[in-house]
PDB file of all heavy atoms in Angstrom:
ATOM      1  N   THR A   1     -36.323 -35.936 -55.250  1.00  0.00           N
ATOM      2  CA  THR A   1     -37.432 -35.034 -55.207  1.00  0.00           C
ATOM      3  C   THR A   1     -38.155 -35.020 -56.592  1.00  0.00           C
ATOM      4  O   THR A   1     -37.575 -35.535 -57.618  1.00  0.00           O
ATOM      5  CB  THR A   1     -36.890 -33.488 -55.033  1.00  0.00           C
ATOM      6  OG1 THR A   1     -36.076 -33.141 -56.245  1.00  0.00           O
ATOM      7  CG2 THR A   1     -36.153 -33.393 -53.756  1.00  0.00           C
ATOM      8  N   ALA A   2     -39.451 -34.607 -56.579  1.00  0.00           N
ATOM      9  CA  ALA A   2     -40.222 -34.601 -57.851  1.00  0.00           C
ATOM     10  C   ALA A   2     -39.452 -33.863 -58.911  1.00  0.00           C
ATOM     11  O   ALA A   2     -39.566 -34.268 -60.082  1.00  0.00           O
ATOM     12  CB  ALA A   2     -41.643 -34.085 -57.515  1.00  0.00           C
ATOM     13  N   GLU A   3     -38.927 -32.637 -58.459  1.00  0.00           N
ATOM     14  CA  GLU A   3     -38.236 -31.841 -59.482  1.00  0.00           C
ATOM     15  C   GLU A   3     -37.044 -32.533 -60.046  1.00  0.00           C
ATOM     16  O   GLU A   3     -36.720 -32.481 -61.331  1.00  0.00           O
ATOM     17  CB  GLU A   3     -37.786 -30.538 -58.850  1.00  0.00           C
ATOM     18  CG  GLU A   3     -37.134 -29.550 -59.653  1.00  0.00           C
ATOM     19  CD  GLU A   3     -36.689 -28.308 -58.976  1.00  0.00           C
ATOM     20  OE1 GLU A   3     -36.317 -28.358 -57.808  1.00  0.00           O
ATOM     21  OE2 GLU A   3     -36.749 -27.234 -59.643  1.00  0.00           O
ATOM     22  N   GLY A   4     -36.282 -33.260 -59.165  1.00  0.00           N
ATOM     23  CA  GLY A   4     -35.133 -33.967 -59.650  1.00  0.00           C
ATOM     24  C   GLY A   4     -35.364 -35.076 -60.563  1.00  0.00           C
ATOM     25  O   GLY A   4     -34.751 -35.291 -61.501  1.00  0.00           O
ATOM     26  N   VAL A   5     -36.514 -35.820 -60.211  1.00  0.00           N
ATOM     27  CA  VAL A   5     -36.811 -36.964 -61.062  1.00  0.00           C
ATOM     28  C   VAL A   5     -37.282 -36.499 -62.420  1.00  0.00           C
ATOM     29  O   VAL A   5     -36.857 -37.028 -63.491  1.00  0.00           O
ATOM     30  CB  VAL A   5     -38.036 -37.827 -60.366  1.00  0.00           C
ATOM     31  CG1 VAL A   5     -38.594 -38.874 -61.302  1.00  0.00           C
ATOM     32  CG2 VAL A   5     -37.543 -38.440 -59.089  1.00  0.00           C
ATOM     33  N   GLN A   6     -38.114 -35.314 -62.359  1.00  0.00           N
ATOM     34  CA  GLN A   6     -38.611 -34.846 -63.675  1.00  0.00           C
ATOM     35  C   GLN A   6     -37.379 -34.365 -64.494  1.00  0.00           C
ATOM     36  O   GLN A   6     -37.333 -34.710 -65.736  1.00  0.00           O
ATOM     37  CB  GLN A   6     -39.543 -33.683 -63.443  1.00  0.00           C
ATOM     38  CG  GLN A   6     -40.117 -33.085 -64.777  1.00  0.00           C
ATOM     39  CD  GLN A   6     -41.187 -31.973 -64.447  1.00  0.00           C
ATOM     40  OE1 GLN A   6     -40.994 -31.252 -63.521  1.00  0.00           O
ATOM     41  NE2 GLN A   6     -42.173 -31.853 -65.274  1.00  0.00           N
ATOM     42  N   LEU A   7     -36.553 -33.654 -63.937  1.00  0.00           N
ATOM     43  CA  LEU A   7     -35.266 -33.171 -64.739  1.00  0.00           C
ATOM     44  C   LEU A   7     -34.449 -34.298 -65.246  1.00  0.00           C
ATOM     45  O   LEU A   7     -33.970 -34.154 -66.342  1.00  0.00           O
ATOM     46  CB  LEU A   7     -34.538 -32.237 -63.871  1.00  0.00           C
ATOM     47  CG  LEU A   7     -33.453 -31.373 -64.613  1.00  0.00           C
ATOM     48  CD1 LEU A   7     -33.954 -30.665 -65.804  1.00  0.00           C
ATOM     49  CD2 LEU A   7     -32.857 -30.457 -63.638  1.00  0.00           C
ATOM     50  N   CYS A   8     -34.293 -35.336 -64.465  1.00  0.00           N
ATOM     51  CA  CYS A   8     -33.454 -36.497 -64.901  1.00  0.00           C
ATOM     52  C   CYS A   8     -34.110 -37.103 -66.033  1.00  0.00           C
ATOM     53  O   CYS A   8     -33.498 -37.469 -67.020  1.00  0.00           O
ATOM     54  CB  CYS A   8     -33.272 -37.430 -63.723  1.00  0.00           C
ATOM     55  SG  CYS A   8     -32.216 -38.731 -63.969  1.00  0.00           S
ATOM     56  N   ASN A   9     -35.476 -37.309 -66.146  1.00  0.00           N
ATOM     57  CA  ASN A   9     -36.292 -37.849 -67.136  1.00  0.00           C
ATOM     58  C   ASN A   9     -36.141 -36.996 -68.393  1.00  0.00           C
ATOM     59  O   ASN A   9     -36.082 -37.490 -69.509  1.00  0.00           O
ATOM     60  CB  ASN A   9     -37.725 -38.060 -66.734  1.00  0.00           C
ATOM     61  CG  ASN A   9     -37.900 -39.216 -65.774  1.00  0.00           C
ATOM     62  OD1 ASN A   9     -37.020 -40.002 -65.640  1.00  0.00           O
ATOM     63  ND2 ASN A   9     -39.013 -39.073 -65.046  1.00  0.00           N
ATOM     64  N   PHE A  10     -36.183 -35.640 -68.146  1.00  0.00           N
ATOM     65  CA  PHE A  10     -36.106 -34.723 -69.352  1.00  0.00           C
ATOM     66  C   PHE A  10     -34.670 -34.891 -69.967  1.00  0.00           C
ATOM     67  O   PHE A  10     -34.591 -34.908 -71.213  1.00  0.00           O
ATOM     68  CB  PHE A  10     -36.308 -33.282 -68.934  1.00  0.00           C
ATOM     69  CG  PHE A  10     -37.686 -32.901 -68.770  1.00  0.00           C
ATOM     70  CD1 PHE A  10     -38.067 -31.929 -67.774  1.00  0.00           C
ATOM     71  CD2 PHE A  10     -38.737 -33.490 -69.422  1.00  0.00           C
ATOM     72  CE1 PHE A  10     -39.306 -31.401 -67.620  1.00  0.00           C
ATOM     73  CE2 PHE A  10     -40.080 -33.015 -69.255  1.00  0.00           C
ATOM     74  CZ  PHE A  10     -40.235 -31.947 -68.388  1.00  0.00           C
ATOM     75  N   MET A  11     -33.653 -34.922 -69.198  1.00  0.00           N
ATOM     76  CA  MET A  11     -32.273 -35.184 -69.764  1.00  0.00           C
ATOM     77  C   MET A  11     -32.235 -36.494 -70.516  1.00  0.00           C
ATOM     78  O   MET A  11     -31.642 -36.422 -71.724  1.00  0.00           O
ATOM     79  CB  MET A  11     -31.268 -35.084 -68.572  1.00  0.00           C
ATOM     80  CG  MET A  11     -31.182 -33.856 -67.985  1.00  0.00           C
ATOM     81  SD  MET A  11     -30.535 -32.525 -69.098  1.00  0.00           S
ATOM     82  CE  MET A  11     -30.717 -31.036 -68.189  1.00  0.00           C
ATOM     83  N   HIS A  12     -32.782 -37.500 -70.075  1.00  0.00           N
ATOM     84  CA  HIS A  12     -32.710 -38.812 -70.833  1.00  0.00           C
ATOM     85  C   HIS A  12     -33.605 -38.679 -71.980  1.00  0.00           C
ATOM     86  O   HIS A  12     -33.240 -39.284 -73.116  1.00  0.00           O
ATOM     87  CB  HIS A  12     -33.136 -39.985 -69.854  1.00  0.00           C
ATOM     88  CG  HIS A  12     -31.966 -40.367 -68.956  1.00  0.00           C
ATOM     89  ND1 HIS A  12     -30.800 -41.058 -69.414  1.00  0.00           N
ATOM     90  CD2 HIS A  12     -31.777 -40.105 -67.539  1.00  0.00           C
ATOM     91  CE1 HIS A  12     -30.029 -41.170 -68.241  1.00  0.00           C
ATOM     92  NE2 HIS A  12     -30.601 -40.618 -67.274  1.00  0.00           N
ATOM     93  N   ALA A  13     -34.698 -37.960 -71.983  1.00  0.00           N
ATOM     94  CA  ALA A  13     -35.494 -37.796 -73.232  1.00  0.00           C
ATOM     95  C   ALA A  13     -34.692 -36.996 -74.205  1.00  0.00           C
ATOM     96  O   ALA A  13     -34.883 -37.230 -75.416  1.00  0.00           O
ATOM     97  CB  ALA A  13     -36.812 -37.096 -72.701  1.00  0.00           C
ATOM     98  N   ALA A  14     -34.011 -35.980 -73.754  1.00  0.00           N
ATOM     99  CA  ALA A  14     -33.215 -35.180 -74.730  1.00  0.00           C
ATOM    100  C   ALA A  14     -32.129 -36.060 -75.413  1.00  0.00           C
ATOM    101  O   ALA A  14     -31.843 -35.951 -76.496  1.00  0.00           O
ATOM    102  CB  ALA A  14     -32.507 -33.927 -73.957  1.00  0.00           C
ATOM    103  N   LEU A  15     -31.528 -36.966 -74.540  1.00  0.00           N
ATOM    104  CA  LEU A  15     -30.555 -37.876 -75.138  1.00  0.00           C
ATOM    105  C   LEU A  15     -31.207 -38.831 -76.141  1.00  0.00           C
ATOM    106  O   LEU A  15     -30.653 -38.942 -77.219  1.00  0.00           O
ATOM    107  CB  LEU A  15     -29.943 -38.793 -73.999  1.00  0.00           C
ATOM    108  CG  LEU A  15     -29.048 -39.820 -74.521  1.00  0.00           C
ATOM    109  CD1 LEU A  15     -27.750 -39.240 -75.268  1.00  0.00           C
ATOM    110  CD2 LEU A  15     -28.519 -40.639 -73.369  1.00  0.00           C
ATOM    111  N   THR A  16     -32.406 -39.360 -75.861  1.00  0.00           N
ATOM    112  CA  THR A  16     -33.037 -40.317 -76.799  1.00  0.00           C
ATOM    113  C   THR A  16     -33.383 -39.450 -77.950  1.00  0.00           C
ATOM    114  O   THR A  16     -33.221 -40.084 -79.103  1.00  0.00           O
ATOM    115  CB  THR A  16     -34.329 -40.802 -76.109  1.00  0.00           C
ATOM    116  OG1 THR A  16     -33.949 -41.509 -74.924  1.00  0.00           O
ATOM    117  CG2 THR A  16     -35.096 -41.733 -76.949  1.00  0.00           C
ATOM    118  N   ASP A  17     -33.851 -38.297 -77.988  1.00  0.00           N
ATOM    119  CA  ASP A  17     -34.189 -37.419 -79.112  1.00  0.00           C
ATOM    120  C   ASP A  17     -32.978 -37.163 -79.918  1.00  0.00           C
ATOM    121  O   ASP A  17     -32.811 -37.354 -81.104  1.00  0.00           O
ATOM    122  CB  ASP A  17     -34.863 -36.108 -78.693  1.00  0.00           C
ATOM    123  CG  ASP A  17     -35.089 -35.291 -79.797  1.00  0.00           C
ATOM    124  OD1 ASP A  17     -35.943 -35.571 -80.638  1.00  0.00           O
ATOM    125  OD2 ASP A  17     -34.412 -34.220 -79.947  1.00  0.00           O
ATOM    126  N   TYR A  18     -31.824 -36.959 -79.260  1.00  0.00           N
ATOM    127  CA  TYR A  18     -30.522 -36.607 -80.013  1.00  0.00           C
ATOM    128  C   TYR A  18     -30.094 -37.938 -80.828  1.00  0.00           C
ATOM    129  O   TYR A  18     -29.738 -37.940 -81.929  1.00  0.00           O
ATOM    130  CB  TYR A  18     -29.485 -36.234 -79.044  1.00  0.00           C
ATOM    131  CG  TYR A  18     -28.106 -36.231 -79.606  1.00  0.00           C
ATOM    132  CD1 TYR A  18     -27.622 -35.094 -80.284  1.00  0.00           C
ATOM    133  CD2 TYR A  18     -27.197 -37.322 -79.424  1.00  0.00           C
ATOM    134  CE1 TYR A  18     -26.437 -34.998 -80.919  1.00  0.00           C
ATOM    135  CE2 TYR A  18     -25.899 -37.188 -79.940  1.00  0.00           C
ATOM    136  CZ  TYR A  18     -25.523 -36.091 -80.744  1.00  0.00           C
ATOM    137  OH  TYR A  18     -24.327 -35.998 -81.221  1.00  0.00           O
ATOM    138  N   LEU A  19     -30.218 -39.050 -79.985  1.00  0.00           N
ATOM    139  CA  LEU A  19     -29.780 -40.342 -80.734  1.00  0.00           C
ATOM    140  C   LEU A  19     -30.636 -40.620 -81.962  1.00  0.00           C
ATOM    141  O   LEU A  19     -30.137 -41.165 -82.953  1.00  0.00           O
ATOM    142  CB  LEU A  19     -29.698 -41.417 -79.694  1.00  0.00           C
ATOM    143  CG  LEU A  19     -28.762 -41.246 -78.525  1.00  0.00           C
ATOM    144  CD1 LEU A  19     -28.883 -42.409 -77.483  1.00  0.00           C
ATOM    145  CD2 LEU A  19     -27.363 -41.346 -79.126  1.00  0.00           C
ATOM    146  N   GLY A  20     -31.992 -40.376 -81.726  1.00  0.00           N
ATOM    147  CA  GLY A  20     -32.930 -40.717 -82.810  1.00  0.00           C
ATOM    148  C   GLY A  20     -32.697 -39.779 -84.045  1.00  0.00           C
ATOM    149  O   GLY A  20     -32.879 -40.289 -85.280  1.00  0.00           O
ATOM    150  N   ARG A  21     -32.181 -38.561 -83.898  1.00  0.00           N
ATOM    151  CA  ARG A  21     -31.935 -37.706 -85.014  1.00  0.00           C
ATOM    152  C   ARG A  21     -30.508 -37.913 -85.620  1.00  0.00           C
ATOM    153  O   ARG A  21     -30.328 -37.363 -86.724  1.00  0.00           O
ATOM    154  CB  ARG A  21     -32.100 -36.308 -84.572  1.00  0.00           C
ATOM    155  CG  ARG A  21     -33.682 -35.962 -84.383  1.00  0.00           C
ATOM    156  CD  ARG A  21     -33.899 -34.496 -84.027  1.00  0.00           C
ATOM    157  NE  ARG A  21     -33.479 -34.154 -82.794  1.00  0.00           N
ATOM    158  CZ  ARG A  21     -32.306 -33.565 -82.445  1.00  0.00           C
ATOM    159  NH1 ARG A  21     -31.504 -33.042 -83.482  1.00  0.00           N
ATOM    160  NH2 ARG A  21     -31.869 -33.205 -81.262  1.00  0.00           N
ATOM    161  N   THR A  22     -29.538 -38.428 -84.815  1.00  0.00           N
ATOM    162  CA  THR A  22     -28.286 -38.485 -85.350  1.00  0.00           C
ATOM    163  C   THR A  22     -27.721 -39.837 -85.709  1.00  0.00           C
ATOM    164  O   THR A  22     -26.475 -40.021 -85.984  1.00  0.00           O
ATOM    165  CB  THR A  22     -27.207 -37.765 -84.352  1.00  0.00           C
ATOM    166  OG1 THR A  22     -27.374 -38.600 -83.069  1.00  0.00           O
ATOM    167  CG2 THR A  22     -27.589 -36.373 -84.183  1.00  0.00           C
ATOM    168  N   GLY A  23     -28.425 -40.883 -85.522  1.00  0.00           N
ATOM    169  CA  GLY A  23     -28.046 -42.339 -85.801  1.00  0.00           C
ATOM    170  C   GLY A  23     -29.275 -43.181 -86.125  1.00  0.00           C
ATOM    171  O   GLY A  23     -30.325 -42.736 -86.176  1.00  0.00           O
ATOM    172  N   ASN A  24     -28.975 -44.443 -86.197  1.00  0.00           N
ATOM    173  CA  ASN A  24     -29.841 -45.515 -86.535  1.00  0.00           C
ATOM    174  C   ASN A  24     -29.818 -46.578 -85.483  1.00  0.00           C
ATOM    175  O   ASN A  24     -28.764 -47.108 -85.233  1.00  0.00           O
ATOM    176  CB  ASN A  24     -29.630 -46.169 -87.873  1.00  0.00           C
ATOM    177  CG  ASN A  24     -29.727 -45.033 -89.028  1.00  0.00           C
ATOM    178  OD1 ASN A  24     -30.730 -44.254 -89.002  1.00  0.00           O
ATOM    179  ND2 ASN A  24     -28.755 -44.931 -89.778  1.00  0.00           N
ATOM    180  N   TRP A  25     -31.031 -47.017 -85.025  1.00  0.00           N
ATOM    181  CA  TRP A  25     -31.171 -48.156 -84.103  1.00  0.00           C
ATOM    182  C   TRP A  25     -31.253 -49.384 -84.849  1.00  0.00           C
ATOM    183  O   TRP A  25     -31.868 -49.388 -85.932  1.00  0.00           O
ATOM    184  CB  TRP A  25     -32.347 -47.957 -83.122  1.00  0.00           C
ATOM    185  CG  TRP A  25     -32.144 -46.794 -82.228  1.00  0.00           C
ATOM    186  CD1 TRP A  25     -32.782 -45.536 -82.321  1.00  0.00           C
ATOM    187  CD2 TRP A  25     -31.517 -46.813 -80.979  1.00  0.00           C
ATOM    188  NE1 TRP A  25     -32.378 -44.794 -81.197  1.00  0.00           N
ATOM    189  CE2 TRP A  25     -31.596 -45.409 -80.369  1.00  0.00           C
ATOM    190  CE3 TRP A  25     -30.738 -47.777 -80.278  1.00  0.00           C
ATOM    191  CZ2 TRP A  25     -31.047 -45.204 -79.151  1.00  0.00           C
ATOM    192  CZ3 TRP A  25     -30.165 -47.414 -79.049  1.00  0.00           C
ATOM    193  CH2 TRP A  25     -30.323 -46.146 -78.501  1.00  0.00           C
ATOM    194  N   HIS A  26     -30.676 -50.504 -84.369  1.00  0.00           N
ATOM    195  CA  HIS A  26     -30.802 -51.829 -85.042  1.00  0.00           C
ATOM    196  C   HIS A  26     -30.522 -52.865 -84.140  1.00  0.00           C
ATOM    197  O   HIS A  26     -30.336 -52.668 -82.816  1.00  0.00           O
ATOM    198  CB  HIS A  26     -29.700 -51.794 -86.180  1.00  0.00           C
ATOM    199  CG  HIS A  26     -28.419 -51.411 -85.727  1.00  0.00           C
ATOM    200  ND1 HIS A  26     -27.578 -52.165 -84.864  1.00  0.00           N
ATOM    201  CD2 HIS A  26     -27.690 -50.341 -85.999  1.00  0.00           C
ATOM    202  CE1 HIS A  26     -26.418 -51.598 -84.622  1.00  0.00           C
ATOM    203  NE2 HIS A  26     -26.423 -50.495 -85.358  1.00  0.00           N
ATOM    204  N   ASP A  27     -30.698 -54.155 -84.512  1.00  0.00           N
ATOM    205  CA  ASP A  27     -30.509 -55.279 -83.693  1.00  0.00           C
ATOM    206  C   ASP A  27     -29.044 -55.231 -83.141  1.00  0.00           C
ATOM    207  O   ASP A  27     -28.133 -54.685 -83.856  1.00  0.00           O
ATOM    208  CB  ASP A  27     -30.775 -56.612 -84.483  1.00  0.00           C
ATOM    209  CG  ASP A  27     -32.184 -56.875 -84.653  1.00  0.00           C
ATOM    210  OD1 ASP A  27     -33.097 -56.242 -83.913  1.00  0.00           O
ATOM    211  OD2 ASP A  27     -32.552 -57.600 -85.613  1.00  0.00           O
ATOM    212  N   MET A  28     -28.768 -55.884 -82.025  1.00  0.00           N
ATOM    213  CA  MET A  28     -27.485 -55.951 -81.469  1.00  0.00           C
ATOM    214  C   MET A  28     -26.414 -56.547 -82.433  1.00  0.00           C
ATOM    215  O   MET A  28     -26.641 -57.598 -83.032  1.00  0.00           O
ATOM    216  CB  MET A  28     -27.458 -56.796 -80.162  1.00  0.00           C
ATOM    217  CG  MET A  28     -26.218 -56.758 -79.351  1.00  0.00           C
ATOM    218  SD  MET A  28     -25.817 -55.127 -78.658  1.00  0.00           S
ATOM    219  CE  MET A  28     -27.223 -54.907 -77.561  1.00  0.00           C
TER     220      MET A  28
END
């Protein structure tokens, strides 16, 4: 459903935000 897709995207955005604030991205 549109609601389910949007909420799933929000959850992954919250994870991405959390990872950006608590760690560092780098090459593999």
